[in-house]
Amino acid sequence: MKSSKFWTCWAVFVMMSGFSLFAGVKQDIKISLEEKQIQDLSPDGLTMVFYVNLTNTSSRTYGLSGYHYRFMVNQQEYLRLQTSLNAELEIAPQKNTMVALPIKVTYDLLMETVEGLQEQAACYVMGEFVISERGRERGRLPVAFSGEFPILKGPEISFTEIIAHSVTIGGADLSFNLSVMNGNGFELMIDRIRYSLSFGGHPVVEGTIAGDKNIDARGSKLFTLPLLLNFFEVGKDVHGILQGKNVPCRIVGEFEVTTVWGPIVIPFDENGQIPIQSAS
């Protein structure tokens, strides 16, 4: 009987010691969100980074040995992750330790996973940090942070027309017109448009579009590229290409855009047939 009581008391002692250790971790380490950042923004996706402070108010040295979380977008689960760290991240006593929690968002996967997405998505991350001491788990600290991120659409290019002011055996004076559409619900602040243009596979010009390039929300803007071609330089075949009703064109380049999330570069590559007509 005494032996039974002894083991019962010992089991209770062990359980209480475990609870004490877990409770101690929650008292010793405070979690706070330092900042949220949107990085690597592009028409393909972005990275949402939560920077978390672990403040160790005790004299003990702890370690972050793992974490698990769910990432919710518009109240629907987008990602679930559980990770054990190969080497514990030290949480030194009486100091702040910064932890970055990056979450990669791919728009294609997001559209397949989450319904009802528009131009802005509300999100939150919820889970636990696994805290250890000398290689043994001592407790788990809950984390829960919210945020939002944009659904960025790249500008869409469409060919309009080529105006032929003159075409001779030696060269041509042309105006190449194209339209750029902004499908976003915010203005696109375009700093620079770099481009390379070819007709029927023959490079004819490369350069930078000047002037006002900003495009209103859900608006479009017409750009005109003046072209003075020398057929001895661009190829005599271009003269024959310009004799048809439509010209096979390809324009390749990039938009340099300023956003509230930082500067981004959006590449483009558009092929198509563009009608050509005389200016007279």
C-alpha atoms as a PDB file:
ATOM      1  CA  MET A   1       0.000   0.000   0.000  1.00  0.00           C
ATOM      2  CA  LYS A   2       2.821   2.351   0.940  1.00  0.00           C
ATOM      3  CA  SER A   3       4.558   1.527  -2.359  1.00  0.00           C
ATOM      4  CA  SER A   4       1.397   2.336  -4.306  1.00  0.00           C
ATOM      5  CA  LYS A   5       1.054   5.680  -2.502  1.00  0.00           C
ATOM      6  CA  PHE A   6       4.722   6.425  -3.171  1.00  0.00           C
ATOM      7  CA  TRP A   7       4.393   5.889  -6.918  1.00  0.00           C
ATOM      8  CA  THR A   8       1.164   7.867  -7.025  1.00  0.00           C
ATOM      9  CA  CYS A   9       2.831  10.797  -5.258  1.00  0.00           C
ATOM     10  CA  TRP A  10       5.878  10.507  -7.522  1.00  0.00           C
ATOM     11  CA  ALA A  11       3.688  10.583 -10.636  1.00  0.00           C
ATOM     12  CA  VAL A  12       1.870  13.656  -9.349  1.00  0.00           C
ATOM     13  CA  PHE A  13       5.225  15.298  -8.563  1.00  0.00           C
ATOM     14  CA  VAL A  14       6.513  14.601 -12.097  1.00  0.00           C
ATOM     15  CA  MET A  15       3.317  15.958 -13.657  1.00  0.00           C
ATOM     16  CA  MET A  16       3.396  19.077 -11.508  1.00  0.00           C
ATOM     17  CA  SER A  17       7.082  19.596 -12.360  1.00  0.00           C
ATOM     18  CA  GLY A  18       6.241  19.378 -16.057  1.00  0.00           C
ATOM     19  CA  PHE A  19       3.383  21.831 -15.694  1.00  0.00           C
ATOM     20  CA  SER A  20       5.699  24.122 -13.743  1.00  0.00           C
ATOM     21  CA  LEU A  21       8.294  24.059 -16.506  1.00  0.00           C
ATOM     22  CA  PHE A  22       5.711  24.738 -19.209  1.00  0.00           C
ATOM     23  CA  ALA A  23       4.171  27.530 -17.146  1.00  0.00           C
ATOM     24  CA  GLY A  24       7.665  28.914 -16.516  1.00  0.00           C
ATOM     25  CA  VAL A  25       8.341  29.229 -20.245  1.00  0.00           C
ATOM     26  CA  LYS A  26       5.160  31.228 -20.725  1.00  0.00           C
ATOM     27  CA  GLN A  27       6.186  33.514 -17.874  1.00  0.00           C
ATOM     28  CA  ASP A  28       9.802  33.824 -18.998  1.00  0.00           C
ATOM     29  CA  ILE A  29       9.330  34.451 -22.736  1.00  0.00           C
ATOM     30  CA  LYS A  30       7.053  37.110 -24.183  1.00  0.00           C
ATOM     31  CA  ILE A  31       6.126  37.186 -27.872  1.00  0.00           C
ATOM     32  CA  SER A  32       5.427  40.381 -29.807  1.00  0.00           C
ATOM     33  CA  LEU A  33       5.175  41.298 -33.474  1.00  0.00           C
ATOM     34  CA  GLU A  34       7.939  43.690 -34.515  1.00  0.00           C
ATOM     35  CA  GLU A  35       6.740  44.336 -38.080  1.00  0.00           C
ATOM     36  CA  LYS A  36       5.223  42.817 -41.201  1.00  0.00           C
ATOM     37  CA  GLN A  37       6.797  43.102 -44.640  1.00  0.00           C
ATOM     38  CA  ILE A  38       5.785  42.218 -48.171  1.00  0.00           C
ATOM     39  CA  GLN A  39       8.830  41.120 -50.163  1.00  0.00           C
ATOM     40  CA  ASP A  40       9.498  39.837 -53.694  1.00  0.00           C
ATOM     41  CA  LEU A  41       6.192  41.228 -54.965  1.00  0.00           C
ATOM     42  CA  SER A  42       5.465  40.311 -58.587  1.00  0.00           C
ATOM     43  CA  PRO A  43       2.485  39.287 -60.754  1.00  0.00           C
ATOM     44  CA  ASP A  44       3.361  35.686 -59.773  1.00  0.00           C
ATOM     45  CA  GLY A  45       3.153  36.156 -56.016  1.00  0.00           C
ATOM     46  CA  LEU A  46       4.990  37.515 -52.990  1.00  0.00           C
ATOM     47  CA  THR A  47       6.552  36.639 -49.662  1.00  0.00           C
ATOM     48  CA  MET A  48       4.780  37.706 -46.475  1.00  0.00           C
ATOM     49  CA  VAL A  49       7.279  38.032 -43.629  1.00  0.00           C
ATOM     50  CA  PHE A  50       6.319  38.328 -39.962  1.00  0.00           C
ATOM     51  CA  TYR A  51       9.199  39.557 -37.781  1.00  0.00           C
ATOM     52  CA  VAL A  52       8.597  38.282 -34.255  1.00  0.00           C
ATOM     53  CA  ASN A  53      10.372  39.305 -31.044  1.00  0.00           C
ATOM     54  CA  LEU A  54      11.006  36.674 -28.388  1.00  0.00           C
ATOM     55  CA  THR A  55      11.802  38.544 -25.168  1.00  0.00           C
ATOM     56  CA  ASN A  56      13.455  36.362 -22.523  1.00  0.00           C
ATOM     57  CA  THR A  57      12.896  38.077 -19.166  1.00  0.00           C
ATOM     58  CA  SER A  58      14.539  35.285 -17.142  1.00  0.00           C
ATOM     59  CA  SER A  59      18.127  34.290 -16.337  1.00  0.00           C
ATOM     60  CA  ARG A  60      17.704  31.002 -18.235  1.00  0.00           C
ATOM     61  CA  THR A  61      18.985  30.300 -21.744  1.00  0.00           C
ATOM     62  CA  TYR A  62      16.277  28.817 -23.925  1.00  0.00           C
ATOM     63  CA  GLY A  63      16.205  27.720 -27.531  1.00  0.00           C
ATOM     64  CA  LEU A  64      13.674  27.727 -30.363  1.00  0.00           C
ATOM     65  CA  SER A  65      13.691  24.131 -31.605  1.00  0.00           C
ATOM     66  CA  GLY A  66      10.746  24.197 -33.999  1.00  0.00           C
ATOM     67  CA  TYR A  67       7.395  25.668 -34.903  1.00  0.00           C
ATOM     68  CA  HIS A  68       4.167  24.832 -36.615  1.00  0.00           C
ATOM     69  CA  TYR A  69       1.522  27.125 -38.030  1.00  0.00           C
ATOM     70  CA  ARG A  70      -1.464  27.520 -40.305  1.00  0.00           C
ATOM     71  CA  PHE A  71      -1.626  30.421 -42.751  1.00  0.00           C
ATOM     72  CA  MET A  72      -5.190  31.526 -43.430  1.00  0.00           C
ATOM     73  CA  VAL A  73      -6.292  33.772 -46.305  1.00  0.00           C
ATOM     74  CA  ASN A  74      -9.807  35.192 -46.298  1.00  0.00           C
ATOM     75  CA  GLN A  75     -10.621  32.707 -43.488  1.00  0.00           C
ATOM     76  CA  GLN A  76      -9.578  29.747 -45.666  1.00  0.00           C
ATOM     77  CA  GLU A  77      -6.478  27.647 -45.097  1.00  0.00           C
ATOM     78  CA  TYR A  78      -3.755  28.266 -47.655  1.00  0.00           C
ATOM     79  CA  LEU A  79      -0.793  26.599 -45.957  1.00  0.00           C
ATOM     80  CA  ARG A  80      -0.021  24.313 -43.007  1.00  0.00           C
ATOM     81  CA  LEU A  81       3.586  23.770 -41.945  1.00  0.00           C
ATOM     82  CA  GLN A  82       5.426  21.922 -39.178  1.00  0.00           C
ATOM     83  CA  THR A  83       9.198  22.358 -38.876  1.00  0.00           C
ATOM     84  CA  SER A  84      11.900  21.093 -36.521  1.00  0.00           C
ATOM     85  CA  LEU A  85      15.110  23.127 -36.586  1.00  0.00           C
ATOM     86  CA  ASN A  86      18.370  21.220 -37.074  1.00  0.00           C
ATOM     87  CA  ALA A  87      20.096  23.629 -34.699  1.00  0.00           C
ATOM     88  CA  GLU A  88      18.182  25.425 -31.967  1.00  0.00           C
ATOM     89  CA  LEU A  89      18.015  29.207 -32.184  1.00  0.00           C
ATOM     90  CA  GLU A  90      19.334  30.533 -28.891  1.00  0.00           C
ATOM     91  CA  ILE A  91      17.020  32.751 -26.853  1.00  0.00           C
ATOM     92  CA  ALA A  92      19.513  34.467 -24.577  1.00  0.00           C
ATOM     93  CA  PRO A  93      18.526  35.649 -21.070  1.00  0.00           C
ATOM     94  CA  GLN A  94      17.446  39.256 -20.598  1.00  0.00           C
ATOM     95  CA  LYS A  95      17.503  39.894 -24.350  1.00  0.00           C
ATOM     96  CA  ASN A  96      15.276  40.165 -27.414  1.00  0.00           C
ATOM     97  CA  THR A  97      15.673  37.531 -30.123  1.00  0.00           C
ATOM     98  CA  MET A  98      14.235  38.317 -33.547  1.00  0.00           C
ATOM     99  CA  VAL A  99      12.648  35.504 -35.549  1.00  0.00           C
ATOM    100  CA  ALA A 100      11.614  35.917 -39.189  1.00  0.00           C
ATOM    101  CA  LEU A 101       8.612  33.884 -40.297  1.00  0.00           C
ATOM    102  CA  PRO A 102       8.504  34.053 -44.133  1.00  0.00           C
ATOM    103  CA  ILE A 103       5.478  32.695 -45.984  1.00  0.00           C
ATOM    104  CA  LYS A 104       5.646  32.285 -49.755  1.00  0.00           C
ATOM    105  CA  VAL A 105       2.392  33.065 -51.565  1.00  0.00           C
ATOM    106  CA  THR A 106       1.999  31.922 -55.172  1.00  0.00           C
ATOM    107  CA  TYR A 107      -1.001  33.497 -56.870  1.00  0.00           C
ATOM    108  CA  ASP A 108      -1.786  30.458 -59.067  1.00  0.00           C
ATOM    109  CA  LEU A 109      -1.944  28.150 -56.032  1.00  0.00           C
ATOM    110  CA  LEU A 110      -3.764  30.795 -54.021  1.00  0.00           C
ATOM    111  CA  MET A 111      -6.509  31.093 -56.655  1.00  0.00           C
ATOM    112  CA  GLU A 112      -6.954  27.313 -56.628  1.00  0.00           C
ATOM    113  CA  THR A 113      -7.101  27.182 -52.832  1.00  0.00           C
ATOM    114  CA  VAL A 114      -8.996  30.294 -51.752  1.00  0.00           C
ATOM    115  CA  GLU A 115     -12.302  31.503 -53.161  1.00  0.00           C
ATOM    116  CA  GLY A 116     -13.551  35.060 -53.484  1.00  0.00           C
ATOM    117  CA  LEU A 117     -10.195  36.815 -53.857  1.00  0.00           C
ATOM    118  CA  GLN A 118     -10.247  40.364 -55.160  1.00  0.00           C
ATOM    119  CA  GLU A 119      -7.435  42.939 -55.093  1.00  0.00           C
ATOM    120  CA  GLN A 120      -6.555  42.696 -51.410  1.00  0.00           C
ATOM    121  CA  ALA A 121      -6.433  39.590 -49.230  1.00  0.00           C
ATOM    122  CA  ALA A 122      -6.773  39.473 -45.448  1.00  0.00           C
ATOM    123  CA  CYS A 123      -4.558  36.878 -43.798  1.00  0.00           C
ATOM    124  CA  TYR A 124      -3.416  35.602 -40.433  1.00  0.00           C
ATOM    125  CA  VAL A 125      -0.898  33.100 -39.157  1.00  0.00           C
ATOM    126  CA  MET A 126      -1.595  31.004 -36.086  1.00  0.00           C
ATOM    127  CA  GLY A 127       0.445  28.258 -34.441  1.00  0.00           C
ATOM    128  CA  GLU A 128       3.071  27.521 -31.793  1.00  0.00           C
ATOM    129  CA  PHE A 129       6.791  28.000 -31.173  1.00  0.00           C
ATOM    130  CA  VAL A 130       8.475  24.994 -29.558  1.00  0.00           C
ATOM    131  CA  ILE A 131      10.792  26.164 -26.755  1.00  0.00           C
ATOM    132  CA  SER A 132      13.597  23.955 -25.422  1.00  0.00           C
ATOM    133  CA  GLU A 133      16.257  24.082 -22.735  1.00  0.00           C
ATOM    134  CA  ARG A 134      19.420  21.998 -23.002  1.00  0.00           C
ATOM    135  CA  GLY A 135      17.892  19.956 -25.807  1.00  0.00           C
ATOM    136  CA  ARG A 136      14.647  19.140 -23.980  1.00  0.00           C
ATOM    137  CA  GLU A 137      11.301  20.643 -24.844  1.00  0.00           C
ATOM    138  CA  ARG A 138      10.086  22.958 -22.100  1.00  0.00           C
ATOM    139  CA  GLY A 139       6.930  24.412 -23.582  1.00  0.00           C
ATOM    140  CA  ARG A 140       5.038  25.743 -26.566  1.00  0.00           C
ATOM    141  CA  LEU A 141       4.143  29.376 -27.017  1.00  0.00           C
ATOM    142  CA  PRO A 142       1.064  30.262 -29.083  1.00  0.00           C
ATOM    143  CA  VAL A 143       1.439  32.812 -31.890  1.00  0.00           C
ATOM    144  CA  ALA A 144      -1.283  34.584 -33.842  1.00  0.00           C
ATOM    145  CA  PHE A 145      -0.755  37.582 -36.128  1.00  0.00           C
ATOM    146  CA  SER A 146      -2.873  39.142 -38.855  1.00  0.00           C
ATOM    147  CA  GLY A 147      -2.047  41.105 -41.995  1.00  0.00           C
ATOM    148  CA  GLU A 148      -3.046  41.775 -45.577  1.00  0.00           C
ATOM    149  CA  PHE A 149      -1.395  41.668 -48.978  1.00  0.00           C
ATOM    150  CA  PRO A 150      -2.221  42.773 -52.548  1.00  0.00           C
ATOM    151  CA  ILE A 151      -3.142  40.629 -55.532  1.00  0.00           C
ATOM    152  CA  LEU A 152      -0.921  42.306 -58.122  1.00  0.00           C
ATOM    153  CA  LYS A 153      -1.756  42.110 -61.820  1.00  0.00           C
ATOM    154  CA  GLY A 154       0.941  42.902 -64.345  1.00  0.00           C
ATOM    155  CA  PRO A 155       0.243  45.517 -67.052  1.00  0.00           C
ATOM    156  CA  GLU A 156      -1.235  44.057 -70.232  1.00  0.00           C
ATOM    157  CA  ILE A 157       0.152  45.125 -73.598  1.00  0.00           C
ATOM    158  CA  SER A 158      -1.897  45.090 -76.797  1.00  0.00           C
ATOM    159  CA  PHE A 159      -0.780  46.171 -80.266  1.00  0.00           C
ATOM    160  CA  THR A 160      -2.890  48.893 -81.869  1.00  0.00           C
ATOM    161  CA  GLU A 161      -1.508  49.863 -85.281  1.00  0.00           C
ATOM    162  CA  ILE A 162       1.504  50.936 -87.286  1.00  0.00           C
ATOM    163  CA  ILE A 163       1.231  54.229 -89.155  1.00  0.00           C
ATOM    164  CA  ALA A 164       3.510  54.331 -92.205  1.00  0.00           C
ATOM    165  CA  HIS A 165       4.486  57.928 -92.942  1.00  0.00           C
ATOM    166  CA  SER A 166       6.846  56.781 -95.691  1.00  0.00           C
ATOM    167  CA  VAL A 167       8.368  53.499 -96.873  1.00  0.00           C
ATOM    168  CA  THR A 168      11.132  53.543 -99.488  1.00  0.00           C
ATOM    169  CA  ILE A 169      13.632  51.020-100.763  1.00  0.00           C
ATOM    170  CA  GLY A 170      16.157  52.310 -98.243  1.00  0.00           C
ATOM    171  CA  GLY A 171      14.118  52.810 -95.099  1.00  0.00           C
ATOM    172  CA  ALA A 172      10.856  53.686 -93.387  1.00  0.00           C
ATOM    173  CA  ASP A 173       9.380  56.382 -91.155  1.00  0.00           C
ATOM    174  CA  LEU A 174       6.814  54.717 -88.884  1.00  0.00           C
ATOM    175  CA  SER A 175       4.733  55.310 -85.756  1.00  0.00           C
ATOM    176  CA  PHE A 176       4.196  52.142 -83.711  1.00  0.00           C
ATOM    177  CA  ASN A 177       1.169  52.404 -81.407  1.00  0.00           C
ATOM    178  CA  LEU A 178       0.505  50.112 -78.466  1.00  0.00           C
ATOM    179  CA  SER A 179      -1.836  50.194 -75.496  1.00  0.00           C
ATOM    180  CA  VAL A 180      -0.944  49.307 -71.916  1.00  0.00           C
ATOM    181  CA  MET A 181      -3.787  48.391 -69.534  1.00  0.00           C
ATOM    182  CA  ASN A 182      -3.695  48.427 -65.744  1.00  0.00           C
ATOM    183  CA  GLY A 183      -6.085  45.843 -64.322  1.00  0.00           C
ATOM    184  CA  ASN A 184      -5.374  46.770 -60.684  1.00  0.00           C
ATOM    185  CA  GLY A 185      -7.582  48.814 -58.402  1.00  0.00           C
ATOM    186  CA  PHE A 186      -4.727  51.244 -57.794  1.00  0.00           C
ATOM    187  CA  GLU A 187      -2.644  53.520 -60.007  1.00  0.00           C
ATOM    188  CA  LEU A 188       0.499  52.009 -61.477  1.00  0.00           C
ATOM    189  CA  MET A 189       3.404  54.389 -60.902  1.00  0.00           C
ATOM    190  CA  ILE A 190       5.672  53.446 -63.804  1.00  0.00           C
ATOM    191  CA  ASP A 191       9.143  54.949 -63.663  1.00  0.00           C
ATOM    192  CA  ARG A 192      10.499  53.430 -66.856  1.00  0.00           C
ATOM    193  CA  ILE A 193       9.509  51.130 -69.707  1.00  0.00           C
ATOM    194  CA  ARG A 194      12.416  49.441 -71.450  1.00  0.00           C
ATOM    195  CA  TYR A 195      11.665  47.593 -74.676  1.00  0.00           C
ATOM    196  CA  SER A 196      13.101  45.749 -77.657  1.00  0.00           C
ATOM    197  CA  LEU A 197      10.935  45.524 -80.802  1.00  0.00           C
ATOM    198  CA  SER A 198      11.212  43.130 -83.733  1.00  0.00           C
ATOM    199  CA  PHE A 199       9.278  42.666 -86.992  1.00  0.00           C
ATOM    200  CA  GLY A 200       9.036  39.123 -88.346  1.00  0.00           C
ATOM    201  CA  GLY A 201      11.935  38.011 -86.142  1.00  0.00           C
ATOM    202  CA  HIS A 202      14.180  40.934 -87.182  1.00  0.00           C
ATOM    203  CA  PRO A 203      15.190  43.322 -84.367  1.00  0.00           C
ATOM    204  CA  VAL A 204      14.365  46.861 -85.427  1.00  0.00           C
ATOM    205  CA  VAL A 205      14.736  49.056 -82.337  1.00  0.00           C
ATOM    206  CA  GLU A 206      15.292  49.064 -78.590  1.00  0.00           C
ATOM    207  CA  GLY A 207      14.912  51.936 -76.186  1.00  0.00           C
ATOM    208  CA  THR A 208      13.013  53.525 -73.313  1.00  0.00           C
ATOM    209  CA  ILE A 209       9.553  55.085 -73.420  1.00  0.00           C
ATOM    210  CA  ALA A 210       9.628  58.676 -72.212  1.00  0.00           C
ATOM    211  CA  GLY A 211       6.920  61.006 -70.914  1.00  0.00           C
ATOM    212  CA  ASP A 212       4.093  60.348 -68.464  1.00  0.00           C
ATOM    213  CA  LYS A 213       3.849  56.596 -68.015  1.00  0.00           C
ATOM    214  CA  ASN A 214       1.576  56.313 -64.952  1.00  0.00           C
ATOM    215  CA  ILE A 215      -1.674  54.460 -65.602  1.00  0.00           C
ATOM    216  CA  ASP A 216      -4.871  55.014 -63.620  1.00  0.00           C
ATOM    217  CA  ALA A 217      -6.607  52.212 -61.752  1.00  0.00           C
ATOM    218  CA  ARG A 218      -8.343  49.924 -64.278  1.00  0.00           C
ATOM    219  CA  GLY A 219      -7.287  52.359 -66.978  1.00  0.00           C
ATOM    220  CA  SER A 220      -5.163  52.201 -70.091  1.00  0.00           C
ATOM    221  CA  LYS A 221      -2.730  54.459 -71.888  1.00  0.00           C
ATOM    222  CA  LEU A 222      -1.700  54.668 -75.529  1.00  0.00           C
ATOM    223  CA  PHE A 223       2.010  54.904 -76.286  1.00  0.00           C
ATOM    224  CA  THR A 224       3.531  55.836 -79.653  1.00  0.00           C
ATOM    225  CA  LEU A 225       7.028  54.714 -80.604  1.00  0.00           C
ATOM    226  CA  PRO A 226       8.496  56.722 -83.514  1.00  0.00           C
ATOM    227  CA  LEU A 227      10.593  54.441 -85.735  1.00  0.00           C
ATOM    228  CA  LEU A 228      13.123  55.550 -88.349  1.00  0.00           C
ATOM    229  CA  LEU A 229      14.356  52.347 -89.958  1.00  0.00           C
ATOM    230  CA  ASN A 230      17.338  51.847 -92.235  1.00  0.00           C
ATOM    231  CA  PHE A 231      16.805  48.600 -94.148  1.00  0.00           C
ATOM    232  CA  PHE A 232      20.555  48.211 -94.678  1.00  0.00           C
ATOM    233  CA  GLU A 233      20.895  48.028 -90.892  1.00  0.00           C
ATOM    234  CA  VAL A 234      17.762  46.112 -89.843  1.00  0.00           C
ATOM    235  CA  GLY A 235      17.665  43.833 -92.881  1.00  0.00           C
ATOM    236  CA  LYS A 236      16.139  44.130 -96.335  1.00  0.00           C
ATOM    237  CA  ASP A 237      13.522  41.517 -95.413  1.00  0.00           C
ATOM    238  CA  VAL A 238      11.856  44.134 -93.196  1.00  0.00           C
ATOM    239  CA  HIS A 239      10.964  46.108 -96.330  1.00  0.00           C
ATOM    240  CA  GLY A 240       8.977  43.128 -97.618  1.00  0.00           C
ATOM    241  CA  ILE A 241       7.341  42.554 -94.216  1.00  0.00           C
ATOM    242  CA  LEU A 242       6.040  46.123 -94.214  1.00  0.00           C
ATOM    243  CA  GLN A 243       4.323  45.590 -97.580  1.00  0.00           C
ATOM    244  CA  GLY A 244       1.609  43.374 -96.075  1.00  0.00           C
ATOM    245  CA  LYS A 245      -1.605  44.386 -94.330  1.00  0.00           C
ATOM    246  CA  ASN A 246      -0.389  43.056 -90.971  1.00  0.00           C
ATOM    247  CA  VAL A 247       3.095  42.962 -89.495  1.00  0.00           C
ATOM    248  CA  PRO A 248       4.202  40.104 -87.177  1.00  0.00           C
ATOM    249  CA  CYS A 249       5.601  41.850 -84.103  1.00  0.00           C
ATOM    250  CA  ARG A 250       7.257  40.958 -80.858  1.00  0.00           C
ATOM    251  CA  ILE A 251       8.013  43.397 -78.045  1.00  0.00           C
ATOM    252  CA  VAL A 252      10.108  42.332 -75.053  1.00  0.00           C
ATOM    253  CA  GLY A 253      11.095  44.416 -72.061  1.00  0.00           C
ATOM    254  CA  GLU A 254      10.267  45.395 -68.525  1.00  0.00           C
ATOM    255  CA  PHE A 255       8.254  47.864 -66.498  1.00  0.00           C
ATOM    256  CA  GLU A 256      10.027  49.526 -63.573  1.00  0.00           C
ATOM    257  CA  VAL A 257       7.234  50.291 -61.122  1.00  0.00           C
ATOM    258  CA  THR A 258       7.139  52.106 -57.776  1.00  0.00           C
ATOM    259  CA  THR A 259       4.676  50.737 -55.215  1.00  0.00           C
ATOM    260  CA  VAL A 260       3.975  51.289 -51.523  1.00  0.00           C
ATOM    261  CA  TRP A 261       5.648  47.895 -51.025  1.00  0.00           C
ATOM    262  CA  GLY A 262       8.849  49.044 -52.720  1.00  0.00           C
ATOM    263  CA  PRO A 263      10.143  49.170 -56.319  1.00  0.00           C
ATOM    264  CA  ILE A 264       9.464  46.153 -58.525  1.00  0.00           C
ATOM    265  CA  VAL A 265      10.394  45.111 -62.063  1.00  0.00           C
ATOM    266  CA  ILE A 266       7.737  43.425 -64.211  1.00  0.00           C
ATOM    267  CA  PRO A 267       8.993  41.749 -67.408  1.00  0.00           C
ATOM    268  CA  PHE A 268       6.821  41.460 -70.510  1.00  0.00           C
ATOM    269  CA  ASP A 269       6.960  39.539 -73.779  1.00  0.00           C
ATOM    270  CA  GLU A 270       4.145  40.077 -76.274  1.00  0.00           C
ATOM    271  CA  ASN A 271       3.679  38.600 -79.760  1.00  0.00           C
ATOM    272  CA  GLY A 272       1.024  39.409 -82.323  1.00  0.00           C
ATOM    273  CA  GLN A 273      -0.018  40.741 -85.670  1.00  0.00           C
ATOM    274  CA  ILE A 274      -0.445  44.498 -85.952  1.00  0.00           C
ATOM    275  CA  PRO A 275      -2.216  46.237 -88.871  1.00  0.00           C
ATOM    276  CA  ILE A 276      -0.208  48.734 -90.907  1.00  0.00           C
ATOM    277  CA  GLN A 277      -1.754  51.640 -92.722  1.00  0.00           C
ATOM    278  CA  SER A 278      -0.522  54.633 -94.651  1.00  0.00           C
ATOM    279  CA  ALA A 279      -0.586  58.042 -92.998  1.00  0.00           C
ATOM    280  CA  SER A 280      -1.854  59.647 -96.197  1.00  0.00           C
END
